[in-house]
N, C-alpha and C. Protein backbone atom coordinates (compact mmCIF):
# COMPACT_ATOMS: atom_id res chain seq x y z
N MET A 1 -39.14 -43.31 -19.03
CA MET A 1 -37.72 -43.01 -18.90
C MET A 1 -37.44 -42.50 -17.48
N VAL A 2 -36.38 -42.98 -16.89
CA VAL A 2 -36.01 -42.61 -15.53
C VAL A 2 -35.12 -41.37 -15.58
N LYS A 3 -35.46 -40.40 -14.73
CA LYS A 3 -34.67 -39.17 -14.67
C LYS A 3 -33.58 -39.33 -13.61
N SER A 4 -32.45 -38.72 -13.85
CA SER A 4 -31.39 -38.74 -12.84
C SER A 4 -31.74 -37.75 -11.74
N ILE A 5 -31.05 -37.85 -10.64
CA ILE A 5 -31.29 -36.93 -9.53
C ILE A 5 -31.03 -35.48 -9.94
N PHE A 6 -30.09 -35.27 -10.88
CA PHE A 6 -29.79 -33.92 -11.31
C PHE A 6 -30.92 -33.32 -12.13
N GLU A 7 -31.62 -34.14 -12.89
CA GLU A 7 -32.74 -33.65 -13.69
C GLU A 7 -33.95 -33.36 -12.81
N CYS A 8 -34.08 -34.09 -11.69
CA CYS A 8 -35.24 -33.93 -10.82
C CYS A 8 -35.11 -32.74 -9.88
N ASN A 9 -33.92 -32.41 -9.47
CA ASN A 9 -33.71 -31.38 -8.46
C ASN A 9 -32.93 -30.21 -9.06
N PRO A 10 -33.61 -29.09 -9.30
CA PRO A 10 -32.91 -27.96 -9.94
C PRO A 10 -31.76 -27.40 -9.10
N ILE A 11 -31.87 -27.47 -7.78
CA ILE A 11 -30.79 -26.96 -6.92
C ILE A 11 -29.54 -27.84 -7.08
N THR A 12 -29.74 -29.16 -7.05
CA THR A 12 -28.61 -30.08 -7.23
C THR A 12 -27.99 -29.90 -8.61
N LEU A 13 -28.84 -29.72 -9.61
CA LEU A 13 -28.34 -29.52 -10.97
C LEU A 13 -27.51 -28.24 -11.04
N SER A 14 -28.00 -27.18 -10.42
CA SER A 14 -27.28 -25.91 -10.42
C SER A 14 -25.92 -26.06 -9.73
N LEU A 15 -25.92 -26.70 -8.56
CA LEU A 15 -24.67 -26.89 -7.82
C LEU A 15 -23.70 -27.76 -8.61
N SER A 16 -24.24 -28.79 -9.26
CA SER A 16 -23.40 -29.67 -10.06
C SER A 16 -22.74 -28.89 -11.19
N ARG A 17 -23.51 -28.04 -11.85
CA ARG A 17 -22.95 -27.23 -12.95
C ARG A 17 -21.92 -26.25 -12.41
N GLN A 18 -22.22 -25.63 -11.27
CA GLN A 18 -21.27 -24.67 -10.68
C GLN A 18 -19.97 -25.37 -10.32
N TRP A 19 -20.08 -26.55 -9.69
CA TRP A 19 -18.87 -27.27 -9.28
C TRP A 19 -18.05 -27.66 -10.50
N GLY A 20 -18.74 -28.12 -11.53
CA GLY A 20 -18.03 -28.48 -12.76
C GLY A 20 -17.30 -27.28 -13.33
N GLY A 21 -17.93 -26.12 -13.26
CA GLY A 21 -17.30 -24.89 -13.74
C GLY A 21 -16.10 -24.50 -12.90
N ILE A 22 -16.25 -24.64 -11.60
CA ILE A 22 -15.15 -24.31 -10.68
C ILE A 22 -13.98 -25.25 -10.92
N GLU A 23 -14.30 -26.55 -11.05
CA GLU A 23 -13.25 -27.54 -11.23
C GLU A 23 -12.48 -27.30 -12.54
N SER A 24 -13.21 -27.03 -13.62
CA SER A 24 -12.52 -26.79 -14.89
C SER A 24 -11.74 -25.48 -14.84
N TYR A 25 -12.27 -24.47 -14.15
CA TYR A 25 -11.55 -23.20 -14.00
C TYR A 25 -10.24 -23.42 -13.26
N MET A 26 -10.31 -24.21 -12.17
CA MET A 26 -9.10 -24.47 -11.40
C MET A 26 -8.08 -25.24 -12.23
N ASP A 27 -8.56 -26.22 -12.98
CA ASP A 27 -7.65 -26.98 -13.83
C ASP A 27 -6.97 -26.07 -14.84
N GLU A 28 -7.73 -25.12 -15.40
CA GLU A 28 -7.14 -24.20 -16.37
C GLU A 28 -6.15 -23.26 -15.69
N GLN A 29 -6.53 -22.75 -14.53
CA GLN A 29 -5.70 -21.76 -13.85
C GLN A 29 -4.43 -22.37 -13.27
N TRP A 30 -4.57 -23.49 -12.60
CA TRP A 30 -3.42 -24.04 -11.88
C TRP A 30 -2.89 -25.31 -12.47
N ASN A 31 -3.59 -25.82 -13.48
CA ASN A 31 -3.14 -27.01 -14.19
C ASN A 31 -2.81 -28.15 -13.21
N GLY A 32 -3.76 -28.47 -12.35
CA GLY A 32 -3.54 -29.56 -11.41
C GLY A 32 -4.85 -30.05 -10.84
N SER A 33 -4.77 -31.08 -10.06
CA SER A 33 -5.95 -31.63 -9.41
C SER A 33 -6.40 -30.69 -8.29
N LEU A 34 -7.60 -30.91 -7.81
CA LEU A 34 -8.12 -30.08 -6.72
C LEU A 34 -7.24 -30.21 -5.48
N GLU A 35 -6.73 -31.42 -5.24
CA GLU A 35 -5.87 -31.63 -4.08
C GLU A 35 -4.59 -30.80 -4.20
N GLU A 36 -3.99 -30.80 -5.38
CA GLU A 36 -2.77 -30.01 -5.60
C GLU A 36 -3.04 -28.53 -5.42
N VAL A 37 -4.17 -28.08 -5.95
CA VAL A 37 -4.54 -26.67 -5.82
C VAL A 37 -4.73 -26.32 -4.35
N TYR A 38 -5.44 -27.18 -3.62
CA TYR A 38 -5.68 -26.95 -2.20
C TYR A 38 -4.36 -26.84 -1.44
N LEU A 39 -3.45 -27.78 -1.70
CA LEU A 39 -2.16 -27.76 -1.00
C LEU A 39 -1.36 -26.51 -1.34
N ARG A 40 -1.39 -26.11 -2.60
CA ARG A 40 -0.68 -24.90 -3.01
C ARG A 40 -1.23 -23.67 -2.29
N GLU A 41 -2.57 -23.58 -2.20
CA GLU A 41 -3.20 -22.45 -1.53
C GLU A 41 -2.90 -22.46 -0.04
N ARG A 42 -2.90 -23.64 0.58
CA ARG A 42 -2.59 -23.75 2.01
C ARG A 42 -1.15 -23.29 2.28
N LYS A 43 -0.22 -23.66 1.41
CA LYS A 43 1.17 -23.23 1.58
C LYS A 43 1.26 -21.71 1.54
N LYS A 44 0.49 -21.07 0.65
CA LYS A 44 0.49 -19.61 0.58
C LYS A 44 -0.04 -19.03 1.89
N GLU A 45 -1.14 -19.62 2.41
CA GLU A 45 -1.71 -19.15 3.67
C GLU A 45 -0.72 -19.33 4.81
N TRP A 46 -0.04 -20.48 4.86
CA TRP A 46 0.94 -20.72 5.91
C TRP A 46 2.08 -19.72 5.82
N GLY A 47 2.50 -19.38 4.62
CA GLY A 47 3.56 -18.39 4.44
C GLY A 47 3.15 -17.03 4.96
N ARG A 48 1.91 -16.62 4.65
CA ARG A 48 1.41 -15.33 5.15
C ARG A 48 1.30 -15.34 6.67
N GLU A 49 0.82 -16.45 7.23
CA GLU A 49 0.69 -16.57 8.69
C GLU A 49 2.06 -16.50 9.35
N LYS A 50 3.03 -17.18 8.76
CA LYS A 50 4.40 -17.17 9.31
C LYS A 50 4.96 -15.75 9.31
N GLU A 51 4.77 -15.02 8.20
CA GLU A 51 5.25 -13.64 8.13
C GLU A 51 4.57 -12.77 9.17
N ARG A 52 3.27 -12.97 9.36
CA ARG A 52 2.53 -12.18 10.35
C ARG A 52 3.06 -12.46 11.76
N LEU A 53 3.25 -13.74 12.08
CA LEU A 53 3.73 -14.10 13.41
C LEU A 53 5.15 -13.60 13.64
N LEU A 54 6.01 -13.68 12.64
CA LEU A 54 7.37 -13.15 12.79
C LEU A 54 7.35 -11.64 13.00
N GLY A 55 6.45 -10.97 12.30
CA GLY A 55 6.31 -9.52 12.47
C GLY A 55 5.88 -9.17 13.89
N GLU A 56 4.89 -9.92 14.41
CA GLU A 56 4.43 -9.68 15.79
C GLU A 56 5.55 -9.97 16.78
N ARG A 57 6.30 -11.02 16.54
CA ARG A 57 7.40 -11.39 17.45
C ARG A 57 8.46 -10.30 17.48
N SER A 58 8.80 -9.76 16.31
CA SER A 58 9.83 -8.72 16.28
C SER A 58 9.34 -7.45 16.98
N GLU A 59 8.03 -7.17 16.88
CA GLU A 59 7.47 -6.00 17.59
C GLU A 59 7.58 -6.19 19.10
N VAL A 60 7.30 -7.39 19.58
CA VAL A 60 7.39 -7.68 21.02
C VAL A 60 8.84 -7.54 21.48
N ILE A 61 9.77 -8.05 20.71
CA ILE A 61 11.19 -7.95 21.08
C ILE A 61 11.63 -6.49 21.10
N GLU A 62 11.18 -5.72 20.12
CA GLU A 62 11.54 -4.29 20.09
C GLU A 62 10.99 -3.57 21.31
N ARG A 63 9.77 -3.91 21.73
CA ARG A 63 9.17 -3.28 22.92
C ARG A 63 9.96 -3.67 24.17
N GLN A 64 10.41 -4.92 24.24
CA GLN A 64 11.15 -5.37 25.42
C GLN A 64 12.50 -4.67 25.51
N ILE A 65 13.11 -4.42 24.35
CA ILE A 65 14.41 -3.75 24.33
C ILE A 65 14.25 -2.28 24.72
N ALA A 66 13.17 -1.66 24.25
CA ALA A 66 12.97 -0.22 24.49
C ALA A 66 12.63 0.13 25.90
């Protein structure tokens, strides 16, 4: 009987199981594909970055006025 690569390599098997767990967790949590989840998370990061940059900009303007 021929073994699959996952049966032969315990590290690959472990990673495969972990990824499967992560993927199913994401599907349960966000109810979408990995691509949709990634895009949603990136939008959150961009929003935080935008807020940070606007905050820095307003501080610079306040210093220039003062």
